[in-house]
Amino acid sequence: MHAYLNPVAYLQESRSSTSNVILVADQYPTESMKMLIFKKERIRKTGENMKLDFLQEEPKLVLTYPHKSNFNRVGCLSMVILSFIVIRVLNHLMRYHTDFSDKMIIAIVLIVAPLLVWFMGYYLFINGVKLEIYENEVVQYYTYGSRGRSVLHFKFKLDDIEQIKTKNRPFHCLKMTIKVRNPIFCGLHEKKLNKLENVSIILDRKKSDCFMQEIKHFHRK
């Protein structure tokens, strides 16, 4: 048991920018004071290191579709209107029960059903797929999961890229197809695949130029 020199103990909180806590020496013994100061300094340094690690993990370049919000708003509204029109037409044709009306119903279903499936697939692709490039030359490829959320699919290095192909797309975009050698598959467990894999993404042309500059800069090292 340590004997306290002064029975009156108090804490005074500093109003400085660092928000340090000033402890009165009379409140605690010298050993306890040193231990408290050591713990506070260690917590402060640990917090700074965690903040720096978080900043280092941020990707330096993210490639994704630049018009997601417009596509989701216009595309979803168009599909709702189209579905409403198709249902009204089908209900109207089903009242006649003739060979012609039956053929029209089959034709409409054969045309509209694949269109709806294509739109849902394209919607998931647009909203889920992205490519992240980090400072340590690691590339992470995300594909779409449930409800269009991005799910990490492949990890690889810039050095693993074998070939890049691009095709022009509307609205100043292009589709980039990257052939990757032996990527790491990120499923339930990470597994290195000993084969070539293709990854595709639709991105802005300016971002595509930035990515190609990263590739050139990497090969110059």
C-alpha atoms as a PDB file:
ATOM      1  CA  MET A   1       0.000   0.000   0.000  1.00  0.00           C
ATOM      2  CA  HIS A   2       1.282   3.425  -0.959  1.00  0.00           C
ATOM      3  CA  ALA A   3       0.708   6.305   1.394  1.00  0.00           C
ATOM      4  CA  TYR A   4      -0.770   9.404  -0.253  1.00  0.00           C
ATOM      5  CA  LEU A   5       0.827  12.708   0.690  1.00  0.00           C
ATOM      6  CA  ASN A   6      -2.371  14.650   0.119  1.00  0.00           C
ATOM      7  CA  PRO A   7      -5.851  13.150   0.594  1.00  0.00           C
ATOM      8  CA  VAL A   8      -7.314  15.618  -1.886  1.00  0.00           C
ATOM      9  CA  ALA A   9      -7.202  14.177  -5.402  1.00  0.00           C
ATOM     10  CA  TYR A  10      -8.452  15.791  -8.535  1.00  0.00           C
ATOM     11  CA  LEU A  11      -8.197  15.731 -12.330  1.00  0.00           C
ATOM     12  CA  GLN A  12      -7.838  18.816 -14.450  1.00  0.00           C
ATOM     13  CA  GLU A  13      -8.610  18.444 -18.150  1.00  0.00           C
ATOM     14  CA  SER A  14      -6.529  20.619 -20.442  1.00  0.00           C
ATOM     15  CA  ARG A  15      -8.195  22.776 -23.083  1.00  0.00           C
ATOM     16  CA  SER A  16      -5.199  22.717 -25.416  1.00  0.00           C
ATOM     17  CA  SER A  17      -5.415  21.307 -28.955  1.00  0.00           C
ATOM     18  CA  THR A  18      -3.725  18.081 -27.924  1.00  0.00           C
ATOM     19  CA  SER A  19      -6.388  17.452 -25.200  1.00  0.00           C
ATOM     20  CA  ASN A  20      -3.782  16.096 -22.781  1.00  0.00           C
ATOM     21  CA  VAL A  21      -4.921  15.218 -19.276  1.00  0.00           C
ATOM     22  CA  ILE A  22      -2.914  16.913 -16.491  1.00  0.00           C
ATOM     23  CA  LEU A  23      -2.686  14.812 -13.385  1.00  0.00           C
ATOM     24  CA  VAL A  24      -1.675  16.349 -10.059  1.00  0.00           C
ATOM     25  CA  ALA A  25       1.412  14.742  -8.569  1.00  0.00           C
ATOM     26  CA  ASP A  26      -0.125  14.656  -5.123  1.00  0.00           C
ATOM     27  CA  GLN A  27      -2.917  12.384  -6.326  1.00  0.00           C
ATOM     28  CA  TYR A  28      -0.831   9.371  -7.341  1.00  0.00           C
ATOM     29  CA  PRO A  29       2.530   8.016  -6.318  1.00  0.00           C
ATOM     30  CA  THR A  30       5.484   8.594  -8.593  1.00  0.00           C
ATOM     31  CA  GLU A  31       5.467   5.029  -9.976  1.00  0.00           C
ATOM     32  CA  SER A  32       1.767   5.194 -10.864  1.00  0.00           C
ATOM     33  CA  MET A  33       2.247   8.578 -12.506  1.00  0.00           C
ATOM     34  CA  LYS A  34       5.000   7.206 -14.715  1.00  0.00           C
ATOM     35  CA  MET A  35       2.904   4.192 -15.663  1.00  0.00           C
ATOM     36  CA  LEU A  36      -0.105   6.335 -16.611  1.00  0.00           C
ATOM     37  CA  ILE A  37       2.030   8.673 -18.724  1.00  0.00           C
ATOM     38  CA  PHE A  38       3.679   5.689 -20.451  1.00  0.00           C
ATOM     39  CA  LYS A  39       0.317   4.084 -21.262  1.00  0.00           C
ATOM     40  CA  LYS A  40      -1.117   7.359 -22.580  1.00  0.00           C
ATOM     41  CA  GLU A  41       1.908   7.889 -24.832  1.00  0.00           C
ATOM     42  CA  ARG A  42       1.708   4.331 -26.124  1.00  0.00           C
ATOM     43  CA  ILE A  43      -2.005   4.676 -26.914  1.00  0.00           C
ATOM     44  CA  ARG A  44      -1.339   7.945 -28.750  1.00  0.00           C
ATOM     45  CA  LYS A  45       1.429   6.418 -30.850  1.00  0.00           C
ATOM     46  CA  THR A  46      -0.627   3.302 -31.574  1.00  0.00           C
ATOM     47  CA  GLY A  47      -3.516   5.457 -32.788  1.00  0.00           C
ATOM     48  CA  GLU A  48      -1.190   7.396 -35.085  1.00  0.00           C
ATOM     49  CA  ASN A  49       0.274   4.177 -36.502  1.00  0.00           C
ATOM     50  CA  MET A  50      -3.213   2.797 -37.156  1.00  0.00           C
ATOM     51  CA  LYS A  51      -4.140   6.007 -38.933  1.00  0.00           C
ATOM     52  CA  LEU A  52      -1.001   5.813 -41.100  1.00  0.00           C
ATOM     53  CA  ASP A  53      -1.657   2.151 -41.924  1.00  0.00           C
ATOM     54  CA  PHE A  54      -5.200   3.050 -42.960  1.00  0.00           C
ATOM     55  CA  LEU A  55      -3.928   5.800 -45.227  1.00  0.00           C
ATOM     56  CA  GLN A  56      -1.373   3.462 -46.788  1.00  0.00           C
ATOM     57  CA  GLU A  57      -4.099   0.958 -47.613  1.00  0.00           C
ATOM     58  CA  GLU A  58      -6.065   3.478 -49.665  1.00  0.00           C
ATOM     59  CA  PRO A  59      -5.832   2.724 -53.428  1.00  0.00           C
ATOM     60  CA  LYS A  60      -4.067   5.324 -55.537  1.00  0.00           C
ATOM     61  CA  LEU A  61      -6.289   4.634 -58.559  1.00  0.00           C
ATOM     62  CA  VAL A  62      -9.834   3.228 -58.788  1.00  0.00           C
ATOM     63  CA  LEU A  63     -11.279   2.198 -62.143  1.00  0.00           C
ATOM     64  CA  THR A  64     -15.056   1.887 -62.369  1.00  0.00           C
ATOM     65  CA  TYR A  65     -17.988   2.964 -64.508  1.00  0.00           C
ATOM     66  CA  PRO A  66     -18.275   6.778 -64.225  1.00  0.00           C
ATOM     67  CA  HIS A  67     -22.032   7.137 -64.911  1.00  0.00           C
ATOM     68  CA  LYS A  68     -23.537   4.749 -62.374  1.00  0.00           C
ATOM     69  CA  SER A  69     -26.120   7.139 -60.950  1.00  0.00           C
ATOM     70  CA  ASN A  70     -27.418   8.214 -64.372  1.00  0.00           C
ATOM     71  CA  PHE A  71     -27.531   4.636 -65.616  1.00  0.00           C
ATOM     72  CA  ASN A  72     -29.412   3.436 -62.545  1.00  0.00           C
ATOM     73  CA  ARG A  73     -31.921   6.280 -62.701  1.00  0.00           C
ATOM     74  CA  VAL A  74     -32.632   6.224 -66.458  1.00  0.00           C
ATOM     75  CA  GLY A  75     -32.244   2.465 -66.911  1.00  0.00           C
ATOM     76  CA  CYS A  76     -34.497   1.455 -64.040  1.00  0.00           C
ATOM     77  CA  LEU A  77     -37.170   3.971 -65.030  1.00  0.00           C
ATOM     78  CA  SER A  78     -37.090   2.734 -68.637  1.00  0.00           C
ATOM     79  CA  MET A  79     -37.416  -0.895 -67.602  1.00  0.00           C
ATOM     80  CA  VAL A  80     -40.366  -0.105 -65.309  1.00  0.00           C
ATOM     81  CA  ILE A  81     -42.181   1.726 -68.117  1.00  0.00           C
ATOM     82  CA  LEU A  82     -41.392  -1.043 -70.625  1.00  0.00           C
ATOM     83  CA  SER A  83     -42.608  -3.736 -68.238  1.00  0.00           C
ATOM     84  CA  PHE A  84     -45.842  -1.840 -67.628  1.00  0.00           C
ATOM     85  CA  ILE A  85     -46.477  -1.496 -71.382  1.00  0.00           C
ATOM     86  CA  VAL A  86     -45.700  -5.176 -72.029  1.00  0.00           C
ATOM     87  CA  ILE A  87     -48.070  -6.332 -69.278  1.00  0.00           C
ATOM     88  CA  ARG A  88     -50.873  -4.154 -70.646  1.00  0.00           C
ATOM     89  CA  VAL A  89     -50.318  -5.499 -74.171  1.00  0.00           C
ATOM     90  CA  LEU A  90     -50.235  -9.114 -72.972  1.00  0.00           C
ATOM     91  CA  ASN A  91     -53.445  -8.669 -70.998  1.00  0.00           C
ATOM     92  CA  HIS A  92     -55.097  -7.168 -74.063  1.00  0.00           C
ATOM     93  CA  LEU A  93     -53.959 -10.013 -76.360  1.00  0.00           C
ATOM     94  CA  MET A  94     -55.025 -12.729 -73.929  1.00  0.00           C
ATOM     95  CA  ARG A  95     -58.645 -11.646 -74.243  1.00  0.00           C
ATOM     96  CA  TYR A  96     -58.899 -12.722 -77.898  1.00  0.00           C
ATOM     97  CA  HIS A  97     -57.705 -16.355 -77.674  1.00  0.00           C
ATOM     98  CA  THR A  98     -56.870 -16.524 -81.399  1.00  0.00           C
ATOM     99  CA  ASP A  99     -53.875 -18.054 -83.166  1.00  0.00           C
ATOM    100  CA  PHE A 100     -52.565 -14.611 -84.035  1.00  0.00           C
ATOM    101  CA  SER A 101     -52.835 -13.344 -80.464  1.00  0.00           C
ATOM    102  CA  ASP A 102     -51.113 -16.487 -79.154  1.00  0.00           C
ATOM    103  CA  LYS A 103     -48.241 -16.033 -81.598  1.00  0.00           C
ATOM    104  CA  MET A 104     -47.888 -12.387 -80.623  1.00  0.00           C
ATOM    105  CA  ILE A 105     -47.764 -13.308 -76.939  1.00  0.00           C
ATOM    106  CA  ILE A 106     -45.022 -15.864 -77.585  1.00  0.00           C
ATOM    107  CA  ALA A 107     -43.060 -13.374 -79.702  1.00  0.00           C
ATOM    108  CA  ILE A 108     -43.282 -10.635 -77.068  1.00  0.00           C
ATOM    109  CA  VAL A 109     -42.169 -12.991 -74.316  1.00  0.00           C
ATOM    110  CA  LEU A 110     -39.231 -14.248 -76.400  1.00  0.00           C
ATOM    111  CA  ILE A 111     -38.097 -10.672 -77.060  1.00  0.00           C
ATOM    112  CA  VAL A 112     -38.742  -9.030 -73.689  1.00  0.00           C
ATOM    113  CA  ALA A 113     -37.533 -11.839 -71.400  1.00  0.00           C
ATOM    114  CA  PRO A 114     -33.940 -11.883 -72.738  1.00  0.00           C
ATOM    115  CA  LEU A 115     -33.925  -8.087 -72.670  1.00  0.00           C
ATOM    116  CA  LEU A 116     -34.828  -8.080 -68.972  1.00  0.00           C
ATOM    117  CA  VAL A 117     -32.186 -10.711 -68.205  1.00  0.00           C
ATOM    118  CA  TRP A 118     -29.555  -8.688 -70.105  1.00  0.00           C
ATOM    119  CA  PHE A 119     -30.474  -5.521 -68.249  1.00  0.00           C
ATOM    120  CA  MET A 120     -30.213  -7.202 -64.844  1.00  0.00           C
ATOM    121  CA  GLY A 121     -26.808  -8.652 -65.713  1.00  0.00           C
ATOM    122  CA  TYR A 122     -25.571  -5.339 -67.071  1.00  0.00           C
ATOM    123  CA  TYR A 123     -26.915  -3.541 -63.997  1.00  0.00           C
ATOM    124  CA  LEU A 124     -24.944  -5.840 -61.682  1.00  0.00           C
ATOM    125  CA  PHE A 125     -21.823  -5.509 -63.856  1.00  0.00           C
ATOM    126  CA  ILE A 126     -21.964  -1.710 -63.921  1.00  0.00           C
ATOM    127  CA  ASN A 127     -22.523  -1.310 -60.193  1.00  0.00           C
ATOM    128  CA  GLY A 128     -20.284  -4.079 -58.874  1.00  0.00           C
ATOM    129  CA  VAL A 129     -17.187  -4.322 -61.063  1.00  0.00           C
ATOM    130  CA  LYS A 130     -14.171  -2.163 -60.260  1.00  0.00           C
ATOM    131  CA  LEU A 131     -10.374  -2.275 -60.295  1.00  0.00           C
ATOM    132  CA  GLU A 132      -8.166  -0.871 -57.519  1.00  0.00           C
ATOM    133  CA  ILE A 133      -4.440  -0.187 -57.917  1.00  0.00           C
ATOM    134  CA  TYR A 134      -2.281   0.272 -54.798  1.00  0.00           C
ATOM    135  CA  GLU A 135       1.124   1.815 -54.145  1.00  0.00           C
ATOM    136  CA  ASN A 136       2.747  -1.592 -53.641  1.00  0.00           C
ATOM    137  CA  GLU A 137       1.804  -2.527 -57.262  1.00  0.00           C
ATOM    138  CA  VAL A 138      -1.017  -4.820 -56.114  1.00  0.00           C
ATOM    139  CA  VAL A 139      -4.228  -4.820 -58.170  1.00  0.00           C
ATOM    140  CA  GLN A 140      -7.582  -5.940 -56.786  1.00  0.00           C
ATOM    141  CA  TYR A 141     -10.430  -6.837 -59.126  1.00  0.00           C
ATOM    142  CA  TYR A 142     -13.971  -6.684 -57.740  1.00  0.00           C
ATOM    143  CA  THR A 143     -16.945  -8.290 -59.395  1.00  0.00           C
ATOM    144  CA  TYR A 144     -20.634  -8.120 -58.549  1.00  0.00           C
ATOM    145  CA  GLY A 145     -22.215 -10.110 -55.755  1.00  0.00           C
ATOM    146  CA  SER A 146     -25.672 -10.162 -54.245  1.00  0.00           C
ATOM    147  CA  ARG A 147     -27.669  -6.951 -54.733  1.00  0.00           C
ATOM    148  CA  GLY A 148     -24.968  -5.498 -56.947  1.00  0.00           C
ATOM    149  CA  ARG A 149     -22.407  -5.153 -54.169  1.00  0.00           C
ATOM    150  CA  SER A 150     -18.718  -5.307 -55.041  1.00  0.00           C
ATOM    151  CA  VAL A 151     -16.996  -8.540 -54.017  1.00  0.00           C
ATOM    152  CA  LEU A 152     -13.240  -9.082 -54.193  1.00  0.00           C
ATOM    153  CA  HIS A 153     -12.641 -11.681 -56.913  1.00  0.00           C
ATOM    154  CA  PHE A 154      -8.970 -11.584 -57.986  1.00  0.00           C
ATOM    155  CA  LYS A 155      -5.712 -10.171 -56.677  1.00  0.00           C
ATOM    156  CA  PHE A 156      -2.592  -9.857 -58.790  1.00  0.00           C
ATOM    157  CA  LYS A 157       0.492  -7.739 -59.440  1.00  0.00           C
ATOM    158  CA  LEU A 158       1.022  -5.314 -62.284  1.00  0.00           C
ATOM    159  CA  ASP A 159       3.750  -7.657 -63.456  1.00  0.00           C
ATOM    160  CA  ASP A 160       1.139 -10.408 -63.941  1.00  0.00           C
ATOM    161  CA  ILE A 161      -0.682  -8.498 -66.680  1.00  0.00           C
ATOM    162  CA  GLU A 162      -0.094 -10.230 -70.021  1.00  0.00           C
ATOM    163  CA  GLN A 163      -2.332  -8.274 -72.392  1.00  0.00           C
ATOM    164  CA  ILE A 164      -4.762  -5.352 -72.426  1.00  0.00           C
ATOM    165  CA  LYS A 165      -7.500  -4.869 -75.026  1.00  0.00           C
ATOM    166  CA  THR A 166      -9.888  -1.931 -75.273  1.00  0.00           C
ATOM    167  CA  LYS A 167     -13.121  -1.281 -77.164  1.00  0.00           C
ATOM    168  CA  ASN A 168     -14.912   2.046 -77.424  1.00  0.00           C
ATOM    169  CA  ARG A 169     -18.196   2.474 -75.596  1.00  0.00           C
ATOM    170  CA  PRO A 170     -20.701   5.386 -75.560  1.00  0.00           C
ATOM    171  CA  PHE A 171     -20.402   8.432 -73.291  1.00  0.00           C
ATOM    172  CA  HIS A 172     -16.591   8.722 -73.516  1.00  0.00           C
ATOM    173  CA  CYS A 173     -16.089   5.271 -72.037  1.00  0.00           C
ATOM    174  CA  LEU A 174     -14.373   2.109 -73.146  1.00  0.00           C
ATOM    175  CA  LYS A 175     -14.395  -1.547 -72.201  1.00  0.00           C
ATOM    176  CA  MET A 176     -11.023  -2.819 -71.027  1.00  0.00           C
ATOM    177  CA  THR A 177     -10.239  -6.532 -71.021  1.00  0.00           C
ATOM    178  CA  ILE A 178      -7.113  -7.534 -69.110  1.00  0.00           C
ATOM    179  CA  LYS A 179      -5.487 -10.935 -69.448  1.00  0.00           C
ATOM    180  CA  VAL A 180      -3.841 -11.861 -66.118  1.00  0.00           C
ATOM    181  CA  ARG A 181      -1.289 -14.597 -65.450  1.00  0.00           C
ATOM    182  CA  ASN A 182      -1.806 -16.785 -62.349  1.00  0.00           C
ATOM    183  CA  PRO A 183      -4.048 -14.466 -60.298  1.00  0.00           C
ATOM    184  CA  ILE A 184      -5.059 -15.169 -56.695  1.00  0.00           C
ATOM    185  CA  PHE A 185      -8.711 -16.169 -56.439  1.00  0.00           C
ATOM    186  CA  CYS A 186     -10.368 -14.607 -53.383  1.00  0.00           C
ATOM    187  CA  GLY A 187     -13.279 -16.833 -52.472  1.00  0.00           C
ATOM    188  CA  LEU A 188     -13.862 -18.442 -49.123  1.00  0.00           C
ATOM    189  CA  HIS A 189     -10.124 -19.148 -49.148  1.00  0.00           C
ATOM    190  CA  GLU A 190      -7.428 -17.489 -51.237  1.00  0.00           C
ATOM    191  CA  LYS A 191      -6.062 -19.755 -53.953  1.00  0.00           C
ATOM    192  CA  LYS A 192      -3.490 -19.076 -56.641  1.00  0.00           C
ATOM    193  CA  LEU A 193      -4.732 -20.096 -60.080  1.00  0.00           C
ATOM    194  CA  ASN A 194      -2.081 -21.488 -62.413  1.00  0.00           C
ATOM    195  CA  LYS A 195      -3.708 -20.253 -65.595  1.00  0.00           C
ATOM    196  CA  LEU A 196      -4.632 -17.131 -67.542  1.00  0.00           C
ATOM    197  CA  GLU A 197      -7.778 -15.278 -66.516  1.00  0.00           C
ATOM    198  CA  ASN A 198      -9.615 -12.413 -68.211  1.00  0.00           C
ATOM    199  CA  VAL A 199     -11.067  -9.516 -66.247  1.00  0.00           C
ATOM    200  CA  SER A 200     -13.250  -6.835 -67.838  1.00  0.00           C
ATOM    201  CA  ILE A 201     -14.336  -3.378 -66.769  1.00  0.00           C
ATOM    202  CA  ILE A 202     -16.029  -0.348 -68.337  1.00  0.00           C
ATOM    203  CA  LEU A 203     -14.321   2.899 -67.388  1.00  0.00           C
ATOM    204  CA  ASP A 204     -13.760   6.493 -68.374  1.00  0.00           C
ATOM    205  CA  ARG A 205     -11.200   7.096 -71.115  1.00  0.00           C
ATOM    206  CA  LYS A 206      -9.203   9.519 -68.971  1.00  0.00           C
ATOM    207  CA  LYS A 207      -8.923   6.925 -66.205  1.00  0.00           C
ATOM    208  CA  SER A 208      -7.849   4.418 -68.840  1.00  0.00           C
ATOM    209  CA  ASP A 209      -5.000   6.735 -69.842  1.00  0.00           C
ATOM    210  CA  CYS A 210      -3.940   7.023 -66.190  1.00  0.00           C
ATOM    211  CA  PHE A 211      -3.903   3.248 -65.868  1.00  0.00           C
ATOM    212  CA  MET A 212      -1.795   2.843 -69.001  1.00  0.00           C
ATOM    213  CA  GLN A 213       0.635   5.421 -67.629  1.00  0.00           C
ATOM    214  CA  GLU A 214       0.923   3.344 -64.456  1.00  0.00           C
ATOM    215  CA  ILE A 215       1.739   0.282 -66.552  1.00  0.00           C
ATOM    216  CA  LYS A 216       4.413   2.156 -68.526  1.00  0.00           C
ATOM    217  CA  HIS A 217       5.905   3.631 -65.376  1.00  0.00           C
ATOM    218  CA  PHE A 218       6.073   0.172 -63.817  1.00  0.00           C
ATOM    219  CA  HIS A 219       7.939  -1.348 -66.768  1.00  0.00           C
ATOM    220  CA  ARG A 220      10.459   1.502 -66.772  1.00  0.00           C
ATOM    221  CA  LYS A 221      11.632   0.606 -63.278  1.00  0.00           C
END
